[in-house]
PDB file of N, CA and C in Angstrom:
ATOM      1  N   MET A   1     163.007 188.030 119.424  1.00  0.00           N
ATOM      2  CA  MET A   1     161.730 187.968 119.178  1.00  0.00           C
ATOM      3  C   MET A   1     160.874 189.304 119.448  1.00  0.00           C
ATOM      4  N   SER A   2     159.923 189.296 118.630  1.00  0.00           N
ATOM      5  CA  SER A   2     159.312 190.659 118.921  1.00  0.00           C
ATOM      6  C   SER A   2     158.078 190.526 119.870  1.00  0.00           C
ATOM      7  N   GLY A   3     157.753 191.392 120.753  1.00  0.00           N
ATOM      8  CA  GLY A   3     156.578 191.263 121.507  1.00  0.00           C
ATOM      9  C   GLY A   3     155.506 190.063 121.163  1.00  0.00           C
ATOM     10  N   PHE A   4     154.960 190.601 120.005  1.00  0.00           N
ATOM     11  CA  PHE A   4     153.799 190.346 119.301  1.00  0.00           C
ATOM     12  C   PHE A   4     154.224 188.575 119.049  1.00  0.00           C
ATOM     13  N   ALA A   5     155.118 188.063 118.631  1.00  0.00           N
ATOM     14  CA  ALA A   5     155.461 186.937 118.549  1.00  0.00           C
ATOM     15  C   ALA A   5     155.462 186.009 119.624  1.00  0.00           C
ATOM     16  N   THR A   6     156.087 186.826 120.555  1.00  0.00           N
ATOM     17  CA  THR A   6     156.230 186.334 121.987  1.00  0.00           C
ATOM     18  C   THR A   6     154.992 185.853 122.549  1.00  0.00           C
ATOM     19  N   VAL A   7     154.045 186.939 122.691  1.00  0.00           N
ATOM     20  CA  VAL A   7     152.267 186.493 123.046  1.00  0.00           C
ATOM     21  C   VAL A   7     152.036 185.333 122.044  1.00  0.00           C
ATOM     22  N   LEU A   8     152.067 185.843 120.944  1.00  0.00           N
ATOM     23  CA  LEU A   8     151.697 184.846 119.999  1.00  0.00           C
ATOM     24  C   LEU A   8     151.864 183.178 120.150  1.00  0.00           C
ATOM     25  N   VAL A   9     152.980 183.067 120.731  1.00  0.00           N
ATOM     26  CA  VAL A   9     153.590 181.613 121.043  1.00  0.00           C
ATOM     27  C   VAL A   9     153.163 181.204 122.390  1.00  0.00           C
ATOM     28  N   ILE A  10     153.275 182.139 123.212  1.00  0.00           N
ATOM     29  CA  ILE A  10     152.687 181.804 124.909  1.00  0.00           C
ATOM     30  C   ILE A  10     151.051 181.377 124.510  1.00  0.00           C
ATOM     31  N   ALA A  11     150.480 182.122 123.512  1.00  0.00           N
ATOM     32  CA  ALA A  11     149.089 181.789 123.492  1.00  0.00           C
ATOM     33  C   ALA A  11     148.869 180.336 122.958  1.00  0.00           C
ATOM     34  N   LEU A  12     149.482 180.051 121.730  1.00  0.00           N
ATOM     35  CA  LEU A  12     149.597 178.964 121.046  1.00  0.00           C
ATOM     36  C   LEU A  12     149.871 177.444 121.881  1.00  0.00           C
ATOM     37  N   VAL A  13     150.928 177.512 122.579  1.00  0.00           N
ATOM     38  CA  VAL A  13     151.124 176.782 123.517  1.00  0.00           C
ATOM     39  C   VAL A  13     150.468 176.365 124.942  1.00  0.00           C
ATOM     40  N   THR A  14     149.692 177.479 125.118  1.00  0.00           N
ATOM     41  CA  THR A  14     148.659 177.446 126.595  1.00  0.00           C
ATOM     42  C   THR A  14     147.489 176.982 125.373  1.00  0.00           C
ATOM     43  N   ALA A  15     147.209 176.740 124.440  1.00  0.00           N
ATOM     44  CA  ALA A  15     146.323 176.475 123.816  1.00  0.00           C
ATOM     45  C   ALA A  15     146.584 174.668 123.626  1.00  0.00           C
ATOM     46  N   ALA A  16     147.684 174.866 123.093  1.00  0.00           N
ATOM     47  CA  ALA A  16     147.866 172.924 122.788  1.00  0.00           C
ATOM     48  C   ALA A  16     148.004 172.457 124.019  1.00  0.00           C
ATOM     49  N   LEU A  17     148.253 173.042 125.258  1.00  0.00           N
ATOM     50  CA  LEU A  17     148.467 172.147 126.644  1.00  0.00           C
ATOM     51  C   LEU A  17     146.924 172.108 127.007  1.00  0.00           C
ATOM     52  N   ARG A  18     146.543 172.543 126.489  1.00  0.00           N
ATOM     53  CA  ARG A  18     144.644 172.730 127.299  1.00  0.00           C
ATOM     54  C   ARG A  18     143.920 171.877 126.411  1.00  0.00           C
ATOM     55  N   PHE A  19     144.297 171.636 125.020  1.00  0.00           N
ATOM     56  CA  PHE A  19     143.425 170.787 124.266  1.00  0.00           C
ATOM     57  C   PHE A  19     144.137 169.275 123.919  1.00  0.00           C
ATOM     58  N   ALA A  20     145.450 169.326 124.183  1.00  0.00           N
ATOM     59  CA  ALA A  20     146.046 168.445 124.418  1.00  0.00           C
ATOM     60  C   ALA A  20     145.478 166.604 125.100  1.00  0.00           C
ATOM     61  N   PRO A  21     144.949 167.421 126.540  1.00  0.00           N
ATOM     62  CA  PRO A  21     144.620 165.930 127.177  1.00  0.00           C
ATOM     63  C   PRO A  21     143.291 165.431 126.187  1.00  0.00           C
ATOM     64  N   ILE A  22     142.313 166.624 125.865  1.00  0.00           N
ATOM     65  CA  ILE A  22     141.285 166.273 125.439  1.00  0.00           C
ATOM     66  C   ILE A  22     141.456 165.206 123.786  1.00  0.00           C
ATOM     67  N   TYR A  23     142.337 165.826 123.172  1.00  0.00           N
ATOM     68  CA  TYR A  23     142.847 165.315 122.050  1.00  0.00           C
ATOM     69  C   TYR A  23     143.183 163.603 122.479  1.00  0.00           C
ATOM     70  N   LEU A  24     143.854 163.582 122.996  1.00  0.00           N
ATOM     71  CA  LEU A  24     144.978 162.525 123.229  1.00  0.00           C
ATOM     72  C   LEU A  24     143.931 161.432 124.363  1.00  0.00           C
ATOM     73  N   LEU A  25     143.449 162.000 124.970  1.00  0.00           N
ATOM     74  CA  LEU A  25     142.766 160.743 125.775  1.00  0.00           C
ATOM     75  C   LEU A  25     141.111 160.729 125.611  1.00  0.00           C
ATOM     76  N   GLY A  26     140.754 161.586 124.965  1.00  0.00           N
ATOM     77  CA  GLY A  26     138.967 161.395 124.487  1.00  0.00           C
ATOM     78  C   GLY A  26     138.951 160.731 123.064  1.00  0.00           C
ATOM     79  N   LYS A  27     138.743 159.458 123.214  1.00  0.00           N
ATOM     80  CA  LYS A  27     138.760 158.875 121.847  1.00  0.00           C
ATOM     81  C   LYS A  27     137.456 158.771 121.844  1.00  0.00           C
ATOM     82  N   LYS A  28     136.855 159.000 120.383  1.00  0.00           N
ATOM     83  CA  LYS A  28     135.629 158.633 120.081  1.00  0.00           C
ATOM     84  C   LYS A  28     134.413 158.015 120.359  1.00  0.00           C
ATOM     85  N   GLY A  29     133.375 158.398 121.017  1.00  0.00           N
ATOM     86  CA  GLY A  29     132.533 157.769 121.678  1.00  0.00           C
ATOM     87  C   GLY A  29     132.734 157.402 123.299  1.00  0.00           C
ATOM     88  N   GLN A  30     134.137 157.859 123.680  1.00  0.00           N
ATOM     89  CA  GLN A  30     134.649 157.321 125.341  1.00  0.00           C
ATOM     90  C   GLN A  30     134.611 158.797 125.807  1.00  0.00           C
ATOM     91  N   ARG A  31     134.191 158.976 127.176  1.00  0.00           N
ATOM     92  CA  ARG A  31     134.488 159.960 128.198  1.00  0.00           C
ATOM     93  C   ARG A  31     135.668 159.954 128.399  1.00  0.00           C
ATOM     94  N   LEU A  32     135.802 161.332 128.668  1.00  0.00           N
ATOM     95  CA  LEU A  32     137.393 161.358 129.265  1.00  0.00           C
ATOM     96  C   LEU A  32     137.307 161.251 130.671  1.00  0.00           C
ATOM     97  N   PRO A  33     138.960 160.871 131.349  1.00  0.00           N
ATOM     98  CA  PRO A  33     138.669 160.283 132.781  1.00  0.00           C
ATOM     99  C   PRO A  33     138.478 160.934 133.384  1.00  0.00           C
ATOM    100  N   PRO A  34     137.746 160.598 134.373  1.00  0.00           N
ATOM    101  CA  PRO A  34     137.329 161.695 135.882  1.00  0.00           C
ATOM    102  C   PRO A  34     138.589 162.664 136.112  1.00  0.00           C
ATOM    103  N   ALA A  35     139.914 162.436 136.133  1.00  0.00           N
ATOM    104  CA  ALA A  35     140.456 163.158 136.597  1.00  0.00           C
ATOM    105  C   ALA A  35     141.003 164.162 135.760  1.00  0.00           C
ATOM    106  N   VAL A  36     140.657 164.008 134.692  1.00  0.00           N
ATOM    107  CA  VAL A  36     140.926 164.811 133.574  1.00  0.00           C
ATOM    108  C   VAL A  36     139.850 165.981 133.259  1.00  0.00           C
ATOM    109  N   LEU A  37     138.730 165.284 133.504  1.00  0.00           N
ATOM    110  CA  LEU A  37     137.302 166.296 133.851  1.00  0.00           C
ATOM    111  C   LEU A  37     137.512 167.263 134.907  1.00  0.00           C
ATOM    112  N   PHE A  38     138.192 166.402 136.068  1.00  0.00           N
ATOM    113  CA  PHE A  38     138.584 167.449 137.081  1.00  0.00           C
ATOM    114  C   PHE A  38     139.023 168.551 137.100  1.00  0.00           C
ATOM    115  N   LEU A  39     140.233 168.361 136.078  1.00  0.00           N
ATOM    116  CA  LEU A  39     140.859 169.280 136.337  1.00  0.00           C
ATOM    117  C   LEU A  39     140.423 170.338 135.196  1.00  0.00           C
ATOM    118  N   ILE A  40     139.821 170.024 134.232  1.00  0.00           N
ATOM    119  CA  ILE A  40     139.311 170.739 133.359  1.00  0.00           C
ATOM    120  C   ILE A  40     138.402 171.592 134.107  1.00  0.00           C
ATOM    121  N   ARG A  41     137.750 171.139 135.197  1.00  0.00           N
ATOM    122  CA  ARG A  41     136.794 172.261 136.065  1.00  0.00           C
ATOM    123  C   ARG A  41     137.240 172.818 136.708  1.00  0.00           C
ATOM    124  N   MET A  42     138.472 172.811 137.322  1.00  0.00           N
ATOM    125  CA  MET A  42     138.686 173.358 138.244  1.00  0.00           C
ATOM    126  C   MET A  42     139.792 174.258 137.444  1.00  0.00           C
ATOM    127  N   MET A  43     140.551 174.249 136.512  1.00  0.00           N
ATOM    128  CA  MET A  43     141.195 175.093 136.079  1.00  0.00           C
ATOM    129  C   MET A  43     141.371 176.595 136.090  1.00  0.00           C
ATOM    130  N   PRO A  44     140.345 176.988 135.691  1.00  0.00           N
ATOM    131  CA  PRO A  44     139.958 178.754 135.881  1.00  0.00           C
ATOM    132  C   PRO A  44     139.784 179.090 137.314  1.00  0.00           C
ATOM    133  N   ALA A  45     139.411 178.617 138.182  1.00  0.00           N
ATOM    134  CA  ALA A  45     139.702 178.746 139.644  1.00  0.00           C
ATOM    135  C   ALA A  45     140.783 179.068 140.039  1.00  0.00           C
ATOM    136  N   ALA A  46     141.759 177.907 139.630  1.00  0.00           N
ATOM    137  CA  ALA A  46     143.072 177.812 139.628  1.00  0.00           C
ATOM    138  C   ALA A  46     143.826 179.191 139.457  1.00  0.00           C
ATOM    139  N   VAL A  47     143.602 179.679 138.155  1.00  0.00           N
ATOM    140  CA  VAL A  47     144.300 180.656 137.644  1.00  0.00           C
ATOM    141  C   VAL A  47     144.205 181.718 138.342  1.00  0.00           C
ATOM    142  N   ILE A  48     142.623 181.626 138.440  1.00  0.00           N
ATOM    143  CA  ILE A  48     141.893 182.969 139.235  1.00  0.00           C
ATOM    144  C   ILE A  48     143.108 183.274 140.895  1.00  0.00           C
ATOM    145  N   ALA A  49     142.844 182.089 141.414  1.00  0.00           N
ATOM    146  CA  ALA A  49     143.680 182.299 142.846  1.00  0.00           C
ATOM    147  C   ALA A  49     145.099 182.332 142.443  1.00  0.00           C
ATOM    148  N   LEU A  50     145.719 181.744 141.477  1.00  0.00           N
ATOM    149  CA  LEU A  50     147.193 182.259 141.186  1.00  0.00           C
ATOM    150  C   LEU A  50     147.581 183.900 141.057  1.00  0.00           C
ATOM    151  N   LEU A  51     146.588 184.544 140.247  1.00  0.00           N
ATOM    152  CA  LEU A  51     146.371 185.935 140.477  1.00  0.00           C
ATOM    153  C   LEU A  51     146.326 186.634 141.878  1.00  0.00           C
ATOM    154  N   VAL A  52     145.486 186.072 142.233  1.00  0.00           N
ATOM    155  CA  VAL A  52     145.010 187.036 143.657  1.00  0.00           C
ATOM    156  C   VAL A  52     146.288 186.707 144.570  1.00  0.00           C
ATOM    157  N   VAL A  53     147.052 185.666 144.707  1.00  0.00           N
ATOM    158  CA  VAL A  53     148.072 185.502 145.119  1.00  0.00           C
ATOM    159  C   VAL A  53     149.187 186.419 144.858  1.00  0.00           C
ATOM    160  N   TYR A  54     149.137 186.287 144.007  1.00  0.00           N
ATOM    161  CA  TYR A  54     150.425 186.954 143.011  1.00  0.00           C
ATOM    162  C   TYR A  54     150.067 188.402 143.614  1.00  0.00           C
ATOM    163  N   SER A  55     148.796 189.387 143.366  1.00  0.00           N
ATOM    164  CA  SER A  55     148.667 190.465 143.585  1.00  0.00           C
ATOM    165  C   SER A  55     148.849 190.821 144.936  1.00  0.00           C
ATOM    166  N   LEU A  56     148.728 189.887 146.028  1.00  0.00           N
ATOM    167  CA  LEU A  56     148.328 190.347 147.159  1.00  0.00           C
ATOM    168  C   LEU A  56     149.793 189.966 147.845  1.00  0.00           C
ATOM    169  N   LYS A  57     150.418 189.449 147.232  1.00  0.00           N
ATOM    170  CA  LYS A  57     152.014 189.442 147.791  1.00  0.00           C
ATOM    171  C   LYS A  57     152.455 190.368 148.150  1.00  0.00           C
ATOM    172  N   SER A  58     152.477 191.100 147.689  1.00  0.00           N
ATOM    173  CA  SER A  58     153.568 192.246 148.009  1.00  0.00           C
ATOM    174  C   SER A  58     152.313 193.652 148.471  1.00  0.00           C
ATOM    175  N   ALA A  59     151.129 193.725 149.055  1.00  0.00           N
ATOM    176  CA  ALA A  59     150.367 194.223 149.474  1.00  0.00           C
ATOM    177  C   ALA A  59     150.369 195.172 150.833  1.00  0.00           C
ATOM    178  N   ARG A  60     150.901 196.143 150.832  1.00  0.00           N
ATOM    179  CA  ARG A  60     150.778 196.776 152.065  1.00  0.00           C
ATOM    180  C   ARG A  60     149.801 197.362 152.678  1.00  0.00           C
ATOM    181  N   VAL A  61     148.768 196.719 153.830  1.00  0.00           N
ATOM    182  CA  VAL A  61     147.602 197.055 154.704  1.00  0.00           C
ATOM    183  C   VAL A  61     148.114 198.171 155.415  1.00  0.00           C
ATOM    184  N   LEU A  62     149.167 198.596 156.056  1.00  0.00           N
ATOM    185  CA  LEU A  62     149.540 199.666 156.919  1.00  0.00           C
ATOM    186  C   LEU A  62     149.554 200.648 156.126  1.00  0.00           C
ATOM    187  N   GLU A  63     150.060 200.894 155.204  1.00  0.00           N
ATOM    188  CA  GLU A  63     150.834 202.025 154.418  1.00  0.00           C
ATOM    189  C   GLU A  63     149.671 202.507 153.178  1.00  0.00           C
ATOM    190  N   TYR A  64     149.514 203.410 152.682  1.00  0.00           N
ATOM    191  CA  TYR A  64     148.531 204.288 151.977  1.00  0.00           C
ATOM    192  C   TYR A  64     149.065 203.637 150.623  1.00  0.00           C
ATOM    193  N   PRO A  65     148.279 203.024 149.735  1.00  0.00           N
ATOM    194  CA  PRO A  65     146.754 203.297 149.591  1.00  0.00           C
ATOM    195  C   PRO A  65     146.241 201.916 150.282  1.00  0.00           C
ATOM    196  N   TYR A  66     146.904 201.571 151.245  1.00  0.00           N
ATOM    197  CA  TYR A  66     145.949 200.124 152.312  1.00  0.00           C
ATOM    198  C   TYR A  66     145.709 199.369 151.278  1.00  0.00           C
ATOM    199  N   ALA A  67     146.386 198.705 150.421  1.00  0.00           N
ATOM    200  CA  ALA A  67     145.869 197.428 149.526  1.00  0.00           C
ATOM    201  C   ALA A  67     144.451 197.625 148.908  1.00  0.00           C
ATOM    202  N   LEU A  68     144.140 199.172 148.687  1.00  0.00           N
ATOM    203  CA  LEU A  68     142.546 199.042 147.850  1.00  0.00           C
ATOM    204  C   LEU A  68     143.012 198.816 146.586  1.00  0.00           C
ATOM    205  N   PRO A  69     143.775 198.876 145.612  1.00  0.00           N
ATOM    206  CA  PRO A  69     143.891 198.348 144.278  1.00  0.00           C
ATOM    207  C   PRO A  69     143.871 197.001 144.332  1.00  0.00           C
ATOM    208  N   GLU A  70     144.755 196.313 145.249  1.00  0.00           N
ATOM    209  CA  GLU A  70     144.521 194.843 144.980  1.00  0.00           C
ATOM    210  C   GLU A  70     142.908 194.415 145.669  1.00  0.00           C
ATOM    211  N   ALA A  71     142.618 194.818 146.608  1.00  0.00           N
ATOM    212  CA  ALA A  71     141.187 194.510 147.145  1.00  0.00           C
ATOM    213  C   ALA A  71     140.081 194.806 146.150  1.00  0.00           C
ATOM    214  N   GLY A  72     140.193 195.947 145.185  1.00  0.00           N
ATOM    215  CA  GLY A  72     139.550 196.200 143.950  1.00  0.00           C
ATOM    216  C   GLY A  72     139.399 195.427 142.857  1.00  0.00           C
ATOM    217  N   GLY A  73     140.602 194.665 142.661  1.00  0.00           N
ATOM    218  CA  GLY A  73     140.854 193.852 141.095  1.00  0.00           C
ATOM    219  C   GLY A  73     140.418 192.512 141.844  1.00  0.00           C
ATOM    220  N   LEU A  74     140.497 192.188 143.100  1.00  0.00           N
ATOM    221  CA  LEU A  74     140.105 191.055 143.887  1.00  0.00           C
ATOM    222  C   LEU A  74     138.533 190.940 143.468  1.00  0.00           C
ATOM    223  N   LEU A  75     138.287 191.748 144.311  1.00  0.00           N
ATOM    224  CA  LEU A  75     136.626 192.291 144.245  1.00  0.00           C
ATOM    225  C   LEU A  75     135.798 191.883 142.849  1.00  0.00           C
ATOM    226  N   THR A  76     136.591 192.563 142.032  1.00  0.00           N
ATOM    227  CA  THR A  76     136.428 192.333 140.560  1.00  0.00           C
ATOM    228  C   THR A  76     135.629 191.370 139.955  1.00  0.00           C
ATOM    229  N   ALA A  77     137.530 190.353 140.064  1.00  0.00           N
ATOM    230  CA  ALA A  77     137.245 188.833 139.321  1.00  0.00           C
ATOM    231  C   ALA A  77     136.078 188.184 140.285  1.00  0.00           C
ATOM    232  N   ALA A  78     136.193 188.356 141.674  1.00  0.00           N
ATOM    233  CA  ALA A  78     134.956 187.720 142.325  1.00  0.00           C
ATOM    234  C   ALA A  78     133.951 187.975 141.792  1.00  0.00           C
ATOM    235  N   LEU A  79     133.464 189.045 141.910  1.00  0.00           N
ATOM    236  CA  LEU A  79     131.730 189.548 141.482  1.00  0.00           C
ATOM    237  C   LEU A  79     131.618 188.930 139.806  1.00  0.00           C
ATOM    238  N   LEU A  80     132.783 189.338 138.707  1.00  0.00           N
ATOM    239  CA  LEU A  80     132.492 188.702 137.798  1.00  0.00           C
ATOM    240  C   LEU A  80     132.778 187.250 137.447  1.00  0.00           C
ATOM    241  N   GLN A  81     133.152 186.786 137.976  1.00  0.00           N
ATOM    242  CA  GLN A  81     133.640 185.127 138.173  1.00  0.00           C
ATOM    243  C   GLN A  81     131.619 184.634 138.548  1.00  0.00           C
ATOM    244  N   HIS A  82     131.494 185.461 139.815  1.00  0.00           N
ATOM    245  CA  HIS A  82     130.010 184.783 140.305  1.00  0.00           C
ATOM    246  C   HIS A  82     129.170 185.142 139.569  1.00  0.00           C
ATOM    247  N   TYR A  83     129.220 186.056 138.832  1.00  0.00           N
ATOM    248  CA  TYR A  83     127.515 186.490 138.085  1.00  0.00           C
ATOM    249  C   TYR A  83     127.773 186.104 136.465  1.00  0.00           C
ATOM    250  N   LYS A  84     129.048 186.064 136.002  1.00  0.00           N
ATOM    251  CA  LYS A  84     129.243 186.037 134.429  1.00  0.00           C
ATOM    252  C   LYS A  84     129.853 184.302 133.942  1.00  0.00           C
ATOM    253  N   LYS A  85     130.580 184.091 135.205  1.00  0.00           N
ATOM    254  CA  LYS A  85     131.473 182.510 134.976  1.00  0.00           C
ATOM    255  C   LYS A  85     131.900 182.478 133.258  1.00  0.00           C
ATOM    256  N   ASN A  86     132.912 183.559 133.198  1.00  0.00           N
ATOM    257  CA  ASN A  86     133.426 183.891 131.893  1.00  0.00           C
ATOM    258  C   ASN A  86     134.950 184.209 132.650  1.00  0.00           C
ATOM    259  N   THR A  87     135.659 183.003 132.522  1.00  0.00           N
ATOM    260  CA  THR A  87     137.230 183.405 133.345  1.00  0.00           C
ATOM    261  C   THR A  87     138.048 184.534 132.176  1.00  0.00           C
ATOM    262  N   LEU A  88     137.699 184.207 131.135  1.00  0.00           N
ATOM    263  CA  LEU A  88     138.535 185.387 130.653  1.00  0.00           C
ATOM    264  C   LEU A  88     138.144 186.783 130.672  1.00  0.00           C
ATOM    265  N   LEU A  89     136.949 187.133 130.869  1.00  0.00           N
ATOM    266  CA  LEU A  89     136.169 188.175 131.132  1.00  0.00           C
ATOM    267  C   LEU A  89     136.417 188.603 132.295  1.00  0.00           C
ATOM    268  N   SER A  90     136.758 187.868 133.334  1.00  0.00           N
ATOM    269  CA  SER A  90     137.211 188.100 134.955  1.00  0.00           C
ATOM    270  C   SER A  90     138.413 188.488 135.105  1.00  0.00           C
ATOM    271  N   VAL A  91     139.165 188.049 134.597  1.00  0.00           N
ATOM    272  CA  VAL A  91     140.999 188.499 134.728  1.00  0.00           C
ATOM    273  C   VAL A  91     140.750 189.332 133.879  1.00  0.00           C
ATOM    274  N   LEU A  92     140.406 189.423 133.153  1.00  0.00           N
ATOM    275  CA  LEU A  92     140.585 190.883 132.245  1.00  0.00           C
ATOM    276  C   LEU A  92     140.494 192.016 132.889  1.00  0.00           C
ATOM    277  N   LEU A  93     139.182 192.245 132.995  1.00  0.00           N
ATOM    278  CA  LEU A  93     138.646 193.479 133.578  1.00  0.00           C
ATOM    279  C   LEU A  93     139.075 193.646 135.185  1.00  0.00           C
ATOM    280  N   ALA A  94     139.867 192.389 135.664  1.00  0.00           N
ATOM    281  CA  ALA A  94     140.069 192.517 136.842  1.00  0.00           C
ATOM    282  C   ALA A  94     141.132 193.168 136.851  1.00  0.00           C
ATOM    283  N   THR A  95     142.135 192.583 136.205  1.00  0.00           N
ATOM    284  CA  THR A  95     143.507 193.195 135.864  1.00  0.00           C
ATOM    285  C   THR A  95     143.319 194.746 135.192  1.00  0.00           C
ATOM    286  N   VAL A  96     142.627 195.171 134.563  1.00  0.00           N
ATOM    287  CA  VAL A  96     142.135 196.533 134.123  1.00  0.00           C
ATOM    288  C   VAL A  96     141.916 197.465 135.660  1.00  0.00           C
ATOM    289  N   CYS A  97     140.936 196.801 136.222  1.00  0.00           N
ATOM    290  CA  CYS A  97     140.581 197.274 137.498  1.00  0.00           C
ATOM    291  C   CYS A  97     141.601 197.568 138.485  1.00  0.00           C
ATOM    292  N   TYR A  98     142.418 196.582 138.661  1.00  0.00           N
ATOM    293  CA  TYR A  98     143.881 197.052 139.409  1.00  0.00           C
ATOM    294  C   TYR A  98     144.825 197.962 138.640  1.00  0.00           C
ATOM    295  N   MET A  99     145.072 197.925 137.601  1.00  0.00           N
ATOM    296  CA  MET A  99     145.879 198.865 136.814  1.00  0.00           C
ATOM    297  C   MET A  99     145.540 200.270 137.045  1.00  0.00           C
ATOM    298  N   VAL A 100     144.130 200.503 136.511  1.00  0.00           N
ATOM    299  CA  VAL A 100     143.495 201.664 137.150  1.00  0.00           C
ATOM    300  C   VAL A 100     143.680 202.058 138.498  1.00  0.00           C
ATOM    301  N   LEU A 101     143.381 201.396 139.185  1.00  0.00           N
ATOM    302  CA  LEU A 101     143.683 201.737 140.443  1.00  0.00           C
ATOM    303  C   LEU A 101     144.933 201.914 141.109  1.00  0.00           C
ATOM    304  N   ILE A 102     146.024 201.292 140.471  1.00  0.00           N
ATOM    305  CA  ILE A 102     147.343 201.478 141.141  1.00  0.00           C
ATOM    306  C   ILE A 102     147.873 202.938 140.489  1.00  0.00           C
ATOM    307  N   ARG A 103     147.011 203.310 139.266  1.00  0.00           N
ATOM    308  CA  ARG A 103     147.792 204.701 138.744  1.00  0.00           C
ATOM    309  C   ARG A 103     146.914 205.758 139.377  1.00  0.00           C
ATOM    310  N   ILE A 104     145.790 205.888 139.765  1.00  0.00           N
ATOM    311  CA  ILE A 104     145.065 206.647 140.676  1.00  0.00           C
ATOM    312  C   ILE A 104     145.050 206.590 141.982  1.00  0.00           C
ATOM    313  N   LEU A 105     145.616 205.839 142.696  1.00  0.00           N
ATOM    314  CA  LEU A 105     145.798 205.673 144.022  1.00  0.00           C
ATOM    315  C   LEU A 105     146.985 206.104 144.533  1.00  0.00           C
TER     316      LEU A 105
END
């Protein structure tokens, strides 16, 4: 399977999993259960937290570059999420910032 097809399948499965609870549990004129609303609200923060933990798991703070790429990515994600409240933008630009920093440091 080509790389593009793999990414496309992953995107479709992710979208289906996000919309399935709304479609299955949200009948016309009814509100979603509180547990589902809570999960929908908390999912962006959980994804960002997972990315932070993943990026910090191998950070070496006592050796050059002293975890600066990880800190830069974390700071970028935190600031963008706080000010723009757009998870996709936060994750995307934090990843770009992290990748640029690991190349130049």
